[in-house]
PDB file of all heavy atoms in Angstrom:
ATOM      1  N   THR A   1      24.155 -47.906 -99.802  1.00  0.00           N
ATOM      2  CA  THR A   1      25.099 -47.788 -98.705  1.00  0.00           C
ATOM      3  C   THR A   1      24.349 -47.886 -97.372  1.00  0.00           C
ATOM      4  O   THR A   1      23.279 -47.303 -97.208  1.00  0.00           O
ATOM      5  CB  THR A   1      25.817 -46.434 -98.788  1.00  0.00           C
ATOM      6  OG1 THR A   1      26.422 -46.299-100.080  1.00  0.00           O
ATOM      7  CG2 THR A   1      26.884 -46.330 -97.719  1.00  0.00           C
ATOM      8  N   ASP A   2      24.918 -48.629 -96.450  1.00  0.00           N
ATOM      9  CA  ASP A   2      24.293 -48.806 -95.137  1.00  0.00           C
ATOM     10  C   ASP A   2      24.442 -47.517 -94.325  1.00  0.00           C
ATOM     11  O   ASP A   2      25.544 -47.143 -93.928  1.00  0.00           O
ATOM     12  CB  ASP A   2      24.964 -49.966 -94.407  1.00  0.00           C
ATOM     13  CG  ASP A   2      24.264 -50.323 -93.105  1.00  0.00           C
ATOM     14  OD1 ASP A   2      23.298 -49.624 -92.736  1.00  0.00           O
ATOM     15  OD2 ASP A   2      24.688 -51.296 -92.466  1.00  0.00           O
ATOM     16  N   ASN A   3      23.329 -46.826 -94.098  1.00  0.00           N
ATOM     17  CA  ASN A   3      23.363 -45.599 -93.299  1.00  0.00           C
ATOM     18  C   ASN A   3      22.650 -45.772 -91.961  1.00  0.00           C
ATOM     19  O   ASN A   3      22.393 -44.801 -91.251  1.00  0.00           O
ATOM     20  CB  ASN A   3      22.734 -44.434 -94.076  1.00  0.00           C
ATOM     21  CG  ASN A   3      21.236 -44.620 -94.299  1.00  0.00           C
ATOM     22  OD1 ASN A   3      20.691 -45.698 -94.043  1.00  0.00           O
ATOM     23  ND2 ASN A   3      20.586 -43.591 -94.776  1.00  0.00           N
ATOM     24  N   GLY A   4      22.286 -47.023 -91.643  1.00  0.00           N
ATOM     25  CA  GLY A   4      21.648 -47.296 -90.367  1.00  0.00           C
ATOM     26  C   GLY A   4      20.159 -47.052 -90.333  1.00  0.00           C
ATOM     27  O   GLY A   4      19.538 -47.245 -89.283  1.00  0.00           O
ATOM     28  N   MET A   5      19.570 -46.655 -91.475  1.00  0.00           N
ATOM     29  CA  MET A   5      18.135 -46.361 -91.462  1.00  0.00           C
ATOM     30  C   MET A   5      17.441 -46.766 -92.756  1.00  0.00           C
ATOM     31  O   MET A   5      16.392 -46.243 -93.096  1.00  0.00           O
ATOM     32  CB  MET A   5      17.901 -44.874 -91.176  1.00  0.00           C
ATOM     33  CG  MET A   5      18.446 -43.938 -92.220  1.00  0.00           C
ATOM     34  SD  MET A   5      18.230 -42.184 -91.795  1.00  0.00           S
ATOM     35  CE  MET A   5      19.614 -41.933 -90.696  1.00  0.00           C
ATOM     36  N   ARG A   6      18.015 -47.700 -93.495  1.00  0.00           N
ATOM     37  CA  ARG A   6      17.371 -48.143 -94.730  1.00  0.00           C
ATOM     38  C   ARG A   6      16.150 -49.014 -94.405  1.00  0.00           C
ATOM     39  O   ARG A   6      16.155 -49.763 -93.422  1.00  0.00           O
ATOM     40  CB  ARG A   6      18.342 -48.955 -95.590  1.00  0.00           C
ATOM     41  CG  ARG A   6      19.578 -48.208 -96.041  1.00  0.00           C
ATOM     42  CD  ARG A   6      19.280 -47.058 -96.941  1.00  0.00           C
ATOM     43  NE  ARG A   6      20.511 -46.452 -97.456  1.00  0.00           N
ATOM     44  CZ  ARG A   6      20.572 -45.275 -98.041  1.00  0.00           C
ATOM     45  NH1 ARG A   6      19.464 -44.550 -98.180  1.00  0.00           N
ATOM     46  NH2 ARG A   6      21.717 -44.791 -98.475  1.00  0.00           N
ATOM     47  N   PRO A   7      15.117 -48.939 -95.232  1.00  0.00           N
ATOM     48  CA  PRO A   7      13.939 -49.781 -94.996  1.00  0.00           C
ATOM     49  C   PRO A   7      14.229 -51.241 -95.298  1.00  0.00           C
ATOM     50  O   PRO A   7      15.202 -51.586 -95.988  1.00  0.00           O
ATOM     51  CB  PRO A   7      12.898 -49.204 -95.960  1.00  0.00           C
ATOM     52  CG  PRO A   7      13.684 -48.503 -97.012  1.00  0.00           C
ATOM     53  CD  PRO A   7      14.922 -48.000 -96.346  1.00  0.00           C
ATOM     54  N   THR A   8      13.375 -52.104 -94.794  1.00  0.00           N
ATOM     55  CA  THR A   8      13.498 -53.537 -95.040  1.00  0.00           C
ATOM     56  C   THR A   8      13.426 -53.818 -96.538  1.00  0.00           C
ATOM     57  O   THR A   8      12.611 -53.235 -97.253  1.00  0.00           O
ATOM     58  CB  THR A   8      12.361 -54.294 -94.339  1.00  0.00           C
ATOM     59  OG1 THR A   8      12.408 -53.994 -92.944  1.00  0.00           O
ATOM     60  CG2 THR A   8      12.481 -55.784 -94.548  1.00  0.00           C
ATOM     61  N   GLY A   9      14.284 -54.721 -97.010  1.00  0.00           N
ATOM     62  CA  GLY A   9      14.269 -55.097 -98.410  1.00  0.00           C
ATOM     63  C   GLY A   9      15.423 -54.533 -99.207  1.00  0.00           C
ATOM     64  O   GLY A   9      15.634 -54.915-100.361  1.00  0.00           O
ATOM     65  N   VAL A  10      16.209 -53.624 -98.605  1.00  0.00           N
ATOM     66  CA  VAL A  10      17.354 -53.038 -99.290  1.00  0.00           C
ATOM     67  C   VAL A  10      18.587 -53.917 -99.067  1.00  0.00           C
ATOM     68  O   VAL A  10      18.846 -54.375 -97.950  1.00  0.00           O
ATOM     69  CB  VAL A  10      17.634 -51.611 -98.769  1.00  0.00           C
ATOM     70  CG1 VAL A  10      18.913 -51.050 -99.374  1.00  0.00           C
ATOM     71  CG2 VAL A  10      16.454 -50.698 -99.077  1.00  0.00           C
ATOM     72  N   ARG A  11      19.345 -54.166-100.134  1.00  0.00           N
ATOM     73  CA  ARG A  11      20.616 -54.882-100.012  1.00  0.00           C
ATOM     74  C   ARG A  11      21.687 -53.863 -99.639  1.00  0.00           C
ATOM     75  O   ARG A  11      21.949 -52.921-100.391  1.00  0.00           O
ATOM     76  CB  ARG A  11      20.966 -55.568-101.340  1.00  0.00           C
ATOM     77  CG  ARG A  11      22.229 -56.419-101.288  1.00  0.00           C
ATOM     78  CD  ARG A  11      22.514 -57.016-102.645  1.00  0.00           C
ATOM     79  NE  ARG A  11      21.570 -58.059-102.965  1.00  0.00           N
ATOM     80  CZ  ARG A  11      21.821 -59.358-102.933  1.00  0.00           C
ATOM     81  NH1 ARG A  11      23.020 -59.775-102.564  1.00  0.00           N
ATOM     82  NH2 ARG A  11      20.910 -60.239-103.265  1.00  0.00           N
ATOM     83  N   LEU A  12      22.301 -54.028 -98.472  1.00  0.00           N
ATOM     84  CA  LEU A  12      23.211 -53.032 -97.923  1.00  0.00           C
ATOM     85  C   LEU A  12      24.658 -53.332 -98.262  1.00  0.00           C
ATOM     86  O   LEU A  12      25.087 -54.491 -98.301  1.00  0.00           O
ATOM     87  CB  LEU A  12      23.051 -52.965 -96.405  1.00  0.00           C
ATOM     88  CG  LEU A  12      21.653 -52.630 -95.884  1.00  0.00           C
ATOM     89  CD1 LEU A  12      21.626 -52.727 -94.367  1.00  0.00           C
ATOM     90  CD2 LEU A  12      21.223 -51.244 -96.339  1.00  0.00           C
ATOM     91  N   ILE A  13      25.432 -52.243 -98.511  1.00  0.00           N
ATOM     92  CA  ILE A  13      26.864 -52.359 -98.766  1.00  0.00           C
ATOM     93  C   ILE A  13      27.593 -51.313 -97.928  1.00  0.00           C
ATOM     94  O   ILE A  13      27.007 -50.298 -97.539  1.00  0.00           O
ATOM     95  CB  ILE A  13      27.209 -52.163-100.263  1.00  0.00           C
ATOM     96  CG1 ILE A  13      26.733 -50.785-100.736  1.00  0.00           C
ATOM     97  CG2 ILE A  13      26.613 -53.283-101.105  1.00  0.00           C
ATOM     98  CD1 ILE A  13      27.235 -50.411-102.129  1.00  0.00           C
ATOM     99  N   PRO A  14      28.890 -51.531 -97.648  1.00  0.00           N
ATOM    100  CA  PRO A  14      29.660 -50.511 -96.912  1.00  0.00           C
ATOM    101  C   PRO A  14      29.882 -49.273 -97.782  1.00  0.00           C
ATOM    102  O   PRO A  14      29.791 -49.320 -99.012  1.00  0.00           O
ATOM    103  CB  PRO A  14      30.984 -51.217 -96.610  1.00  0.00           C
ATOM    104  CG  PRO A  14      30.759 -52.657 -96.887  1.00  0.00           C
ATOM    105  CD  PRO A  14      29.672 -52.734 -97.911  1.00  0.00           C
ATOM    106  N   MET A  15      30.212 -48.185 -97.134  1.00  0.00           N
ATOM    107  CA  MET A  15      30.511 -46.941 -97.828  1.00  0.00           C
ATOM    108  C   MET A  15      31.813 -47.045 -98.623  1.00  0.00           C
ATOM    109  O   MET A  15      32.781 -47.659 -98.168  1.00  0.00           O
ATOM    110  CB  MET A  15      30.610 -45.813 -96.791  1.00  0.00           C
ATOM    111  CG  MET A  15      30.797 -44.428 -97.346  1.00  0.00           C
ATOM    112  SD  MET A  15      31.125 -43.228 -96.019  1.00  0.00           S
ATOM    113  CE  MET A  15      29.732 -43.536 -94.930  1.00  0.00           C
ATOM    114  N   ARG A  16      31.827 -46.477 -99.833  1.00  0.00           N
ATOM    115  CA  ARG A  16      33.027 -46.332-100.666  1.00  0.00           C
ATOM    116  C   ARG A  16      33.733 -47.667-100.918  1.00  0.00           C
ATOM    117  O   ARG A  16      34.958 -47.754-100.882  1.00  0.00           O
ATOM    118  CB  ARG A  16      34.009 -45.343-100.029  1.00  0.00           C
ATOM    119  CG  ARG A  16      33.377 -43.998 -99.685  1.00  0.00           C
ATOM    120  CD  ARG A  16      34.396 -43.005 -99.186  1.00  0.00           C
ATOM    121  NE  ARG A  16      33.750 -41.851 -98.573  1.00  0.00           N
ATOM    122  CZ  ARG A  16      34.371 -40.758 -98.178  1.00  0.00           C
ATOM    123  NH1 ARG A  16      35.676 -40.660 -98.317  1.00  0.00           N
ATOM    124  NH2 ARG A  16      33.706 -39.754 -97.623  1.00  0.00           N
ATOM    125  N   ASP A  17      32.967 -48.703-101.177  1.00  0.00           N
ATOM    126  CA  ASP A  17      33.535 -50.037-101.394  1.00  0.00           C
ATOM    127  C   ASP A  17      33.045 -50.549-102.739  1.00  0.00           C
ATOM    128  O   ASP A  17      31.964 -51.146-102.841  1.00  0.00           O
ATOM    129  CB  ASP A  17      33.103 -50.969-100.259  1.00  0.00           C
ATOM    130  CG  ASP A  17      33.847 -52.294-100.277  1.00  0.00           C
ATOM    131  OD1 ASP A  17      34.279 -52.715-101.369  1.00  0.00           O
ATOM    132  OD2 ASP A  17      33.972 -52.923 -99.206  1.00  0.00           O
ATOM    133  N   VAL A  18      33.837 -50.319-103.799  1.00  0.00           N
ATOM    134  CA  VAL A  18      33.405 -50.692-105.141  1.00  0.00           C
ATOM    135  C   VAL A  18      33.344 -52.210-105.300  1.00  0.00           C
ATOM    136  O   VAL A  18      32.520 -52.738-106.070  1.00  0.00           O
ATOM    137  CB  VAL A  18      34.318 -50.043-106.204  1.00  0.00           C
ATOM    138  CG1 VAL A  18      35.694 -50.664-106.194  1.00  0.00           C
ATOM    139  CG2 VAL A  18      33.678 -50.103-107.586  1.00  0.00           C
ATOM    140  N   ASP A  19      34.195 -52.959-104.568  1.00  0.00           N
ATOM    141  CA  ASP A  19      34.139 -54.422-104.637  1.00  0.00           C
ATOM    142  C   ASP A  19      32.812 -54.932-104.080  1.00  0.00           C
ATOM    143  O   ASP A  19      32.193 -55.832-104.664  1.00  0.00           O
ATOM    144  CB  ASP A  19      35.304 -55.045-103.860  1.00  0.00           C
ATOM    145  CG  ASP A  19      36.656 -54.763-104.499  1.00  0.00           C
ATOM    146  OD1 ASP A  19      36.699 -54.597-105.733  1.00  0.00           O
ATOM    147  OD2 ASP A  19      37.651 -54.687-103.765  1.00  0.00           O
ATOM    148  N   ALA A  20      32.387 -54.375-102.960  1.00  0.00           N
ATOM    149  CA  ALA A  20      31.111 -54.782-102.372  1.00  0.00           C
ATOM    150  C   ALA A  20      29.952 -54.412-103.297  1.00  0.00           C
ATOM    151  O   ALA A  20      28.986 -55.175-103.433  1.00  0.00           O
ATOM    152  CB  ALA A  20      30.929 -54.124-101.013  1.00  0.00           C
ATOM    153  N   LEU A  21      30.045 -53.258-103.940  1.00  0.00           N
ATOM    154  CA  LEU A  21      28.999 -52.848-104.881  1.00  0.00           C
ATOM    155  C   LEU A  21      28.935 -53.807-106.060  1.00  0.00           C
ATOM    156  O   LEU A  21      27.845 -54.242-106.464  1.00  0.00           O
ATOM    157  CB  LEU A  21      29.273 -51.427-105.370  1.00  0.00           C
ATOM    158  CG  LEU A  21      28.284 -50.861-106.394  1.00  0.00           C
ATOM    159  CD1 LEU A  21      26.862 -50.848-105.848  1.00  0.00           C
ATOM    160  CD2 LEU A  21      28.717 -49.463-106.833  1.00  0.00           C
ATOM    161  N   GLU A  22      30.089 -54.173-106.595  1.00  0.00           N
ATOM    162  CA  GLU A  22      30.126 -55.130-107.713  1.00  0.00           C
ATOM    163  C   GLU A  22      29.509 -56.471-107.306  1.00  0.00           C
ATOM    164  O   GLU A  22      28.679 -57.034-108.030  1.00  0.00           O
ATOM    165  CB  GLU A  22      31.572 -55.345-108.165  1.00  0.00           C
ATOM    166  CG  GLU A  22      31.694 -56.403-109.264  1.00  0.00           C
ATOM    167  CD  GLU A  22      33.120 -56.859-109.495  1.00  0.00           C
ATOM    168  OE1 GLU A  22      34.034 -56.366-108.802  1.00  0.00           O
ATOM    169  OE2 GLU A  22      33.313 -57.737-110.372  1.00  0.00           O
ATOM    170  N   ASN A  23      29.899 -56.985-106.148  1.00  0.00           N
ATOM    171  CA  ASN A  23      29.377 -58.276-105.702  1.00  0.00           C
ATOM    172  C   ASN A  23      27.865 -58.224-105.505  1.00  0.00           C
ATOM    173  O   ASN A  23      27.142 -59.156-105.870  1.00  0.00           O
ATOM    174  CB  ASN A  23      30.061 -58.694-104.395  1.00  0.00           C
ATOM    175  CG  ASN A  23      31.531 -59.025-104.592  1.00  0.00           C
ATOM    176  OD1 ASN A  23      31.954 -59.358-105.702  1.00  0.00           O
ATOM    177  ND2 ASN A  23      32.309 -58.914-103.528  1.00  0.00           N
ATOM    178  N   ALA A  24      27.377 -57.112-104.926  1.00  0.00           N
ATOM    179  CA  ALA A  24      25.939 -56.996-104.687  1.00  0.00           C
ATOM    180  C   ALA A  24      25.162 -56.947-105.998  1.00  0.00           C
ATOM    181  O   ALA A  24      24.108 -57.582-106.134  1.00  0.00           O
ATOM    182  CB  ALA A  24      25.653 -55.747-103.857  1.00  0.00           C
ATOM    183  N   ILE A  25      25.679 -56.213-106.974  1.00  0.00           N
ATOM    184  CA  ILE A  25      24.998 -56.128-108.274  1.00  0.00           C
ATOM    185  C   ILE A  25      25.008 -57.485-108.958  1.00  0.00           C
ATOM    186  O   ILE A  25      23.989 -57.947-109.486  1.00  0.00           O
ATOM    187  CB  ILE A  25      25.672 -55.062-109.174  1.00  0.00           C
ATOM    188  CG1 ILE A  25      25.463 -53.658-108.600  1.00  0.00           C
ATOM    189  CG2 ILE A  25      25.105 -55.128-110.596  1.00  0.00           C
ATOM    190  CD1 ILE A  25      26.269 -52.577-109.316  1.00  0.00           C
ATOM    191  N   THR A  26      26.168 -58.143-108.951  1.00  0.00           N
ATOM    192  CA  THR A  26      26.286 -59.452-109.603  1.00  0.00           C
ATOM    193  C   THR A  26      25.333 -60.462-108.971  1.00  0.00           C
ATOM    194  O   THR A  26      24.633 -61.213-109.676  1.00  0.00           O
ATOM    195  CB  THR A  26      27.738 -59.959-109.493  1.00  0.00           C
ATOM    196  OG1 THR A  26      28.606 -59.025-110.128  1.00  0.00           O
ATOM    197  CG2 THR A  26      27.879 -61.324-110.167  1.00  0.00           C
ATOM    198  N   GLU A  27      25.281 -60.482-107.644  1.00  0.00           N
ATOM    199  CA  GLU A  27      24.381 -61.421-106.963  1.00  0.00           C
ATOM    200  C   GLU A  27      22.919 -61.089-107.235  1.00  0.00           C
ATOM    201  O   GLU A  27      22.096 -61.991-107.431  1.00  0.00           O
ATOM    202  CB  GLU A  27      24.662 -61.393-105.454  1.00  0.00           C
ATOM    203  CG  GLU A  27      26.015 -61.973-105.076  1.00  0.00           C
ATOM    204  CD  GLU A  27      26.354 -61.751-103.615  1.00  0.00           C
ATOM    205  OE1 GLU A  27      25.463 -61.248-102.873  1.00  0.00           O
ATOM    206  OE2 GLU A  27      27.498 -62.061-103.208  1.00  0.00           O
ATOM    207  N   GLN A  28      22.602 -59.807-107.266  1.00  0.00           N
ATOM    208  CA  GLN A  28      21.212 -59.420-107.507  1.00  0.00           C
ATOM    209  C   GLN A  28      20.763 -59.793-108.911  1.00  0.00           C
ATOM    210  O   GLN A  28      19.654 -60.298-109.114  1.00  0.00           O
ATOM    211  CB  GLN A  28      21.044 -57.910-107.293  1.00  0.00           C
ATOM    212  CG  GLN A  28      19.612 -57.428-107.434  1.00  0.00           C
ATOM    213  CD  GLN A  28      18.678 -58.075-106.432  1.00  0.00           C
ATOM    214  OE1 GLN A  28      18.889 -57.983-105.224  1.00  0.00           O
ATOM    215  NE2 GLN A  28      17.649 -58.753-106.912  1.00  0.00           N
ATOM    216  N   LEU A  29      21.620 -59.560-109.893  1.00  0.00           N
ATOM    217  CA  LEU A  29      21.261 -59.868-111.273  1.00  0.00           C
ATOM    218  C   LEU A  29      21.148 -61.373-111.517  1.00  0.00           C
ATOM    219  O   LEU A  29      20.521 -61.800-112.486  1.00  0.00           O
ATOM    220  CB  LEU A  29      22.282 -59.260-112.237  1.00  0.00           C
ATOM    221  CG  LEU A  29      22.301 -57.726-112.308  1.00  0.00           C
ATOM    222  CD1 LEU A  29      23.415 -57.256-113.230  1.00  0.00           C
ATOM    223  CD2 LEU A  29      20.953 -57.195-112.790  1.00  0.00           C
ATOM    224  N   ALA A  30      21.756 -62.168-110.632  1.00  0.00           N
ATOM    225  CA  ALA A  30      21.694 -63.630-110.781  1.00  0.00           C
ATOM    226  C   ALA A  30      20.409 -64.210-110.208  1.00  0.00           C
ATOM    227  O   ALA A  30      20.121 -65.400-110.402  1.00  0.00           O
ATOM    228  CB  ALA A  30      22.898 -64.279-110.099  1.00  0.00           C
ATOM    229  N   ILE A  31      19.618 -63.383-109.530  1.00  0.00           N
ATOM    230  CA  ILE A  31      18.386 -63.869-108.903  1.00  0.00           C
ATOM    231  C   ILE A  31      17.259 -63.851-109.924  1.00  0.00           C
ATOM    232  O   ILE A  31      16.894 -62.790-110.440  1.00  0.00           O
ATOM    233  CB  ILE A  31      17.990 -63.003-107.690  1.00  0.00           C
ATOM    234  CG1 ILE A  31      19.091 -63.056-106.621  1.00  0.00           C
ATOM    235  CG2 ILE A  31      16.654 -63.457-107.115  1.00  0.00           C
ATOM    236  CD1 ILE A  31      18.858 -62.137-105.453  1.00  0.00           C
ATOM    237  N   PRO A  32      16.715 -65.021-110.268  1.00  0.00           N
ATOM    238  CA  PRO A  32      15.599 -65.042-111.218  1.00  0.00           C
ATOM    239  C   PRO A  32      14.288 -64.716-110.512  1.00  0.00           C
ATOM    240  O   PRO A  32      14.227 -64.590-109.285  1.00  0.00           O
ATOM    241  CB  PRO A  32      15.590 -66.498-111.702  1.00  0.00           C
ATOM    242  CG  PRO A  32      16.095 -67.263-110.507  1.00  0.00           C
ATOM    243  CD  PRO A  32      17.071 -66.362-109.803  1.00  0.00           C
ATOM    244  N   GLY A  33      13.242 -64.561-111.285  1.00  0.00           N
ATOM    245  CA  GLY A  33      11.929 -64.397-110.676  1.00  0.00           C
ATOM    246  C   GLY A  33      11.227 -63.132-111.119  1.00  0.00           C
ATOM    247  O   GLY A  33      11.807 -62.257-111.767  1.00  0.00           O
ATOM    248  N   ILE A  34       9.962 -63.063-110.761  1.00  0.00           N
ATOM    249  CA  ILE A  34       9.117 -61.932-111.122  1.00  0.00           C
ATOM    250  C   ILE A  34       9.154 -60.908-110.007  1.00  0.00           C
ATOM    251  O   ILE A  34       9.137 -61.245-108.828  1.00  0.00           O
ATOM    252  CB  ILE A  34       7.665 -62.399-111.356  1.00  0.00           C
ATOM    253  CG1 ILE A  34       7.648 -63.435-112.470  1.00  0.00           C
ATOM    254  CG2 ILE A  34       6.758 -61.226-111.679  1.00  0.00           C
ATOM    255  CD1 ILE A  34       6.306 -64.082-112.666  1.00  0.00           C
ATOM    256  N   ARG A  35       9.201 -59.645-110.385  1.00  0.00           N
ATOM    257  CA  ARG A  35       9.201 -58.576-109.395  1.00  0.00           C
ATOM    258  C   ARG A  35       7.900 -58.511-108.627  1.00  0.00           C
ATOM    259  O   ARG A  35       6.841 -58.752-109.171  1.00  0.00           O
ATOM    260  CB  ARG A  35       9.370 -57.242-110.111  1.00  0.00           C
ATOM    261  CG  ARG A  35      10.736 -57.019-110.601  1.00  0.00           C
ATOM    262  CD  ARG A  35      10.967 -55.545-110.500  1.00  0.00           C
ATOM    263  NE  ARG A  35      12.008 -55.197-111.412  1.00  0.00           N
ATOM    264  CZ  ARG A  35      12.075 -54.025-111.983  1.00  0.00           C
ATOM    265  NH1 ARG A  35      11.148 -53.147-111.782  1.00  0.00           N
ATOM    266  NH2 ARG A  35      13.068 -53.736-112.752  1.00  0.00           N
ATOM    267  N   THR A  36       8.007 -58.145-107.379  1.00  0.00           N
ATOM    268  CA  THR A  36       6.819 -57.924-106.561  1.00  0.00           C
ATOM    269  C   THR A  36       6.837 -56.510-106.009  1.00  0.00           C
ATOM    270  O   THR A  36       7.565 -56.247-105.056  1.00  0.00           O
ATOM    271  CB  THR A  36       6.766 -58.931-105.399  1.00  0.00           C
ATOM    272  OG1 THR A  36       8.088 -59.162-104.917  1.00  0.00           O
ATOM    273  CG2 THR A  36       6.129 -60.197-105.804  1.00  0.00           C
ATOM    274  N   PRO A  37       6.075 -55.609-106.633  1.00  0.00           N
ATOM    275  CA  PRO A  37       5.981 -54.255-106.086  1.00  0.00           C
ATOM    276  C   PRO A  37       5.510 -54.282-104.643  1.00  0.00           C
ATOM    277  O   PRO A  37       4.678 -55.099-104.271  1.00  0.00           O
ATOM    278  CB  PRO A  37       4.953 -53.576-106.997  1.00  0.00           C
ATOM    279  CG  PRO A  37       5.034 -54.340-108.279  1.00  0.00           C
ATOM    280  CD  PRO A  37       5.322 -55.756-107.875  1.00  0.00           C
TER     281      PRO A  37
END
């Protein structure tokens, strides 16, 4: 949830918005590639 102070690299969504949460998860899971800690 966007609280105005998240660090760089976080995918932000509005508060209490399950549709936005679903879309963000779906888009994130569709991204291929190797993780970079």
